[in-house]
Amino acid sequence: MKAAHFQSAIRLIYPARCTFCGGLVDSDFGLCGPCWRDTPFIAGQVCDQCGVPLLAGPDAPDDVLRCDECLTFARPWDAGRAAMVYDGNGRKMVLRLKHGDRHDMAGPASAWMARAAQPLLRPDTLIAPVPLHWLRLLRRRYNQSALLARALGTQVGRPMCPDLLIRPRATPPLSGLGRDARFATMEGTIKAHPRRRHRMAGRHVLLVDDVMTSGATLAAGAEACWAGGAAGVDILVLARAAKET
């Protein structure tokens, strides 16, 4: 049986379903019309350091735009992007991937992240996920950021090192903490893996996580990359929590 005929037969038995609602769609990992409209993809002008969408306006000098938060607080990375806003279907995707064992969502999520990542990609880019402490990894059974990073590497044709960074010290959940408390909690909690430092030495690292809120976790990861000898650090997240404007 030819491949095309085989695929057609598979479609008759297992038709493609919408990633969010399960309705019929034309291709695997696609979205139906209503779910596509309700998914807050980020497009247009964005903050160059965190990827949050910005209101349209005149370009800044050298086309470098910053949101109010990134103008107020220095970020220890070079540039950042996000695929969607952490709201509506964006929030649902993160929570299902993170807590709902929806590993299948890493595929479509990585495709959307790959589009957002285009300005960040370099020939020497090395992709690395934000690590989990081993106790949390044991409870969750997987690192959602590693799933995204692995799928992203396939999408963009760049190498991915799953244990480039490690998290030797456990931290309490950050939810419910203010910005200062988040940064204080995360300070120094992520390190370069001593046996992987050679992989990042002199290279640009693209640090991947599922969601950015204050940026405390990504900041700890970026600092670890610099300490490990990286030539540059960018960040990429599936979803960016954004304040209403």
Protein backbone atom coordinates (compact mmCIF):
# COMPACT_ATOMS: atom_id res chain seq x y z
CA MET A 1 0.00 0.00 0.00
CA LYS A 2 1.36 3.40 -0.96
CA ALA A 3 2.11 5.87 1.84
CA ALA A 4 -0.61 8.28 0.71
CA HIS A 5 -3.21 5.51 0.68
CA PHE A 6 -2.04 4.29 4.07
CA GLN A 7 -2.34 7.78 5.53
CA SER A 8 -5.84 8.12 4.07
CA ALA A 9 -6.85 4.85 5.67
CA ILE A 10 -5.46 5.98 9.02
CA ARG A 11 -7.45 9.24 8.71
CA LEU A 12 -10.65 7.27 8.23
CA ILE A 13 -10.00 5.33 11.44
CA TYR A 14 -8.35 8.09 13.47
CA PRO A 15 -9.42 11.49 12.10
CA ALA A 16 -7.34 14.52 13.09
CA ARG A 17 -8.67 16.35 16.14
CA CYS A 18 -8.34 19.91 17.39
CA THR A 19 -5.58 20.16 20.00
CA PHE A 20 -7.87 22.01 22.42
CA CYS A 21 -11.47 20.92 21.97
CA GLY A 22 -11.13 17.61 20.14
CA GLY A 23 -13.24 18.70 17.16
CA LEU A 24 -12.42 17.47 13.66
CA VAL A 25 -9.69 19.40 11.81
CA ASP A 26 -7.78 18.97 8.56
CA SER A 27 -4.38 18.02 9.98
CA ASP A 28 -2.76 16.59 13.10
CA PHE A 29 -2.07 19.08 15.89
CA GLY A 30 -4.23 21.70 14.20
CA LEU A 31 -6.83 23.98 15.73
CA CYS A 32 -10.44 24.37 14.70
CA GLY A 33 -11.63 27.83 13.70
CA PRO A 34 -13.14 28.84 17.06
CA CYS A 35 -10.12 27.59 19.05
CA TRP A 36 -7.73 29.39 16.71
CA ARG A 37 -9.62 32.64 17.26
CA ASP A 38 -9.58 32.11 21.03
CA THR A 39 -5.85 31.41 21.23
CA PRO A 40 -3.87 34.57 22.08
CA PHE A 41 -0.94 34.19 19.68
CA ILE A 42 1.57 37.02 19.88
CA ALA A 43 2.17 38.99 16.69
CA GLY A 44 3.23 42.49 15.71
CA GLN A 45 5.38 44.66 17.94
CA VAL A 46 6.82 42.89 20.98
CA CYS A 47 9.25 43.65 23.75
CA ASP A 48 12.67 42.55 22.53
CA GLN A 49 13.63 41.15 25.94
CA CYS A 50 10.57 39.23 27.09
CA GLY A 51 8.32 38.93 24.02
CA VAL A 52 5.24 40.53 25.57
CA PRO A 53 3.04 42.25 22.95
CA LEU A 54 3.28 46.03 22.78
CA LEU A 55 0.83 48.60 21.56
CA ALA A 56 1.65 49.69 18.03
CA GLY A 57 3.76 52.82 17.87
CA PRO A 58 6.87 54.31 16.31
CA ASP A 59 9.94 52.09 16.30
CA ALA A 60 12.61 52.79 18.89
CA PRO A 61 16.21 53.55 17.89
CA ASP A 62 17.81 50.50 16.27
CA ASP A 63 14.36 48.88 16.33
CA VAL A 64 14.88 47.69 19.93
CA LEU A 65 11.64 47.86 21.88
CA ARG A 66 11.19 47.35 25.62
CA CYS A 67 8.10 46.95 27.78
CA ASP A 68 7.80 48.99 30.97
CA GLU A 69 8.86 46.01 33.10
CA CYS A 70 12.03 45.37 31.10
CA LEU A 71 12.85 49.09 31.17
CA THR A 72 12.49 49.05 34.95
CA PHE A 73 14.29 45.79 35.74
CA ALA A 74 17.48 44.69 34.01
CA ARG A 75 17.29 41.23 32.46
CA PRO A 76 20.36 38.97 32.54
CA TRP A 77 19.74 37.76 28.99
CA ASP A 78 20.10 39.36 25.57
CA ALA A 79 16.67 38.95 23.95
CA GLY A 80 13.47 36.98 24.42
CA ARG A 81 10.32 35.88 22.65
CA ALA A 82 7.01 34.16 23.48
CA ALA A 83 4.54 32.34 21.25
CA MET A 84 1.35 33.38 23.05
CA VAL A 85 -0.07 35.26 25.99
CA TYR A 86 -0.69 33.27 29.17
CA ASP A 87 -4.45 33.66 29.03
CA GLY A 88 -7.40 31.70 27.67
CA ASN A 89 -6.18 28.84 25.49
CA GLY A 90 -2.59 29.89 26.14
CA ARG A 91 -3.06 29.21 29.84
CA LYS A 92 -4.96 25.98 29.14
CA MET A 93 -2.11 24.67 26.96
CA VAL A 94 0.54 25.39 29.60
CA LEU A 95 -1.48 23.75 32.39
CA ARG A 96 -2.37 20.68 30.32
CA LEU A 97 1.23 20.23 29.25
CA LYS A 98 2.56 20.86 32.75
CA HIS A 99 0.06 19.00 34.91
CA GLY A 100 -2.19 17.04 32.57
CA ASP A 101 0.30 14.62 30.95
CA ARG A 102 -0.54 16.11 27.55
CA HIS A 103 2.82 15.36 25.97
CA ASP A 104 1.17 15.54 22.55
CA MET A 105 0.85 19.30 22.96
CA ALA A 106 4.62 19.74 22.75
CA GLY A 107 4.43 19.21 18.98
CA PRO A 108 2.10 22.07 18.03
CA ALA A 109 3.50 24.26 20.81
CA SER A 110 7.03 23.88 19.47
CA ALA A 111 5.88 24.85 15.97
CA TRP A 112 4.41 28.10 17.29
CA MET A 113 7.52 28.70 19.40
CA ALA A 114 9.75 28.10 16.38
CA ARG A 115 8.05 30.96 14.54
CA ALA A 116 8.53 33.27 17.50
CA ALA A 117 12.17 32.20 17.85
CA GLN A 118 13.29 33.17 14.34
CA PRO A 119 14.94 36.49 15.38
CA LEU A 120 16.91 34.66 18.08
CA LEU A 121 18.36 31.76 16.11
CA ARG A 122 22.04 31.72 15.22
CA PRO A 123 24.17 29.08 13.51
CA ASP A 124 25.77 28.16 16.86
CA THR A 125 22.56 28.20 18.93
CA LEU A 126 22.35 25.49 21.58
CA ILE A 127 18.87 24.88 23.01
CA ALA A 128 18.49 24.08 26.70
CA PRO A 129 15.42 23.66 28.93
CA VAL A 130 14.97 25.23 32.34
CA PRO A 131 15.70 22.32 34.70
CA LEU A 132 13.60 20.81 37.46
CA HIS A 133 14.92 19.67 40.82
CA TRP A 134 15.07 15.87 40.87
CA LEU A 135 12.37 15.58 43.55
CA ARG A 136 9.91 17.59 41.48
CA LEU A 137 10.88 15.64 38.38
CA LEU A 138 10.23 12.42 40.28
CA ARG A 139 6.73 13.59 41.26
CA ARG A 140 5.83 14.99 37.83
CA ARG A 141 7.65 12.22 35.90
CA TYR A 142 8.74 14.61 33.14
CA ASN A 143 10.02 18.13 32.56
CA GLN A 144 7.59 19.99 30.32
CA SER A 145 10.29 22.49 29.37
CA ALA A 146 12.49 19.64 28.15
CA LEU A 147 9.62 18.32 26.02
CA LEU A 148 9.26 21.74 24.42
CA ALA A 149 13.01 22.17 23.96
CA ARG A 150 13.42 18.77 22.30
CA ALA A 151 10.53 19.37 19.91
CA LEU A 152 11.80 22.89 19.19
CA GLY A 153 15.25 21.57 18.32
CA THR A 154 13.68 19.30 15.72
CA GLN A 155 11.62 22.19 14.35
CA VAL A 156 14.53 24.61 13.91
CA GLY A 157 17.38 22.19 13.28
CA ARG A 158 19.46 23.13 16.30
CA PRO A 159 21.02 20.82 18.93
CA MET A 160 19.37 20.48 22.33
CA CYS A 161 21.12 19.51 25.56
CA PRO A 162 18.53 18.30 28.11
CA ASP A 163 20.85 18.55 31.12
CA LEU A 164 22.95 21.57 30.22
CA LEU A 165 21.66 23.12 33.45
CA ILE A 166 20.85 21.47 36.76
CA ARG A 167 18.86 22.50 39.81
CA PRO A 168 20.70 21.09 42.83
CA ARG A 169 18.57 22.88 45.42
CA ALA A 170 14.81 22.48 45.77
CA THR A 171 12.66 25.61 46.01
CA PRO A 172 9.08 26.15 47.12
CA PRO A 173 6.46 26.97 44.47
CA LEU A 174 6.64 30.57 43.27
CA SER A 175 2.91 31.02 42.81
CA GLY A 176 1.51 33.58 45.24
CA LEU A 177 4.87 35.26 45.79
CA GLY A 178 5.61 38.84 44.80
CA ARG A 179 8.32 39.75 42.33
CA ASP A 180 11.07 40.41 44.90
CA ALA A 181 10.30 37.20 46.77
CA ARG A 182 10.40 35.19 43.53
CA PHE A 183 13.85 36.50 42.64
CA ALA A 184 15.15 35.99 46.17
CA THR A 185 13.85 32.40 46.15
CA MET A 186 15.45 31.56 42.80
CA GLU A 187 18.81 33.27 43.28
CA GLY A 188 21.63 30.81 42.74
CA THR A 189 19.36 27.76 42.45
CA ILE A 190 20.33 26.81 38.87
CA LYS A 191 23.85 25.79 37.87
CA ALA A 192 25.69 24.71 34.75
CA HIS A 193 26.13 20.94 34.68
CA PRO A 194 29.87 20.44 35.37
CA ARG A 195 30.08 17.77 32.65
CA ARG A 196 28.23 19.89 30.06
CA ARG A 197 29.97 23.25 30.45
CA HIS A 198 32.13 22.53 27.41
CA ARG A 199 29.01 22.40 25.25
CA MET A 200 28.00 25.98 26.01
CA ALA A 201 31.48 27.52 26.14
CA GLY A 202 31.63 30.28 23.51
CA ARG A 203 28.15 29.47 22.14
CA HIS A 204 24.78 31.16 22.22
CA VAL A 205 22.27 29.39 24.45
CA LEU A 206 18.52 29.57 23.85
CA LEU A 207 16.88 28.90 27.21
CA VAL A 208 13.39 27.36 26.91
CA ASP A 209 10.56 27.34 29.46
CA ASP A 210 6.80 26.89 29.35
CA VAL A 211 5.77 30.24 30.84
CA MET A 212 7.33 33.49 32.01
CA THR A 213 5.72 35.50 34.79
CA SER A 214 8.27 37.63 36.64
CA GLY A 215 11.25 36.09 34.89
CA ALA A 216 12.91 34.93 38.13
CA THR A 217 13.42 31.32 37.00
CA LEU A 218 14.71 32.35 33.59
CA ALA A 219 17.03 34.88 35.21
CA ALA A 220 18.55 32.16 37.39
CA GLY A 221 18.99 29.99 34.30
CA ALA A 222 20.55 32.80 32.28
CA GLU A 223 23.01 33.60 35.07
CA ALA A 224 24.02 29.94 35.14
CA CYS A 225 24.65 30.02 31.37
CA TRP A 226 26.86 33.09 31.67
CA ALA A 227 28.77 31.45 34.52
CA GLY A 228 29.18 28.36 32.33
CA GLY A 229 30.93 30.35 29.61
CA ALA A 230 28.11 31.05 27.16
CA ALA A 231 28.78 33.76 24.57
CA GLY A 232 25.17 34.88 24.64
CA VAL A 233 21.85 33.93 26.23
CA ASP A 234 18.34 34.35 24.82
CA ILE A 235 15.07 33.08 26.24
CA LEU A 236 11.99 31.57 24.60
CA VAL A 237 8.71 30.62 26.29
CA LEU A 238 5.47 29.12 25.12
CA ALA A 239 3.44 31.74 27.01
CA ARG A 240 4.13 35.13 28.57
CA ALA A 241 2.02 36.41 31.44
CA ALA A 242 1.05 39.94 30.49
CA LYS A 243 -0.47 42.74 32.51
CA GLU A 244 -3.62 44.28 31.10
CA THR A 245 -3.05 47.65 29.44
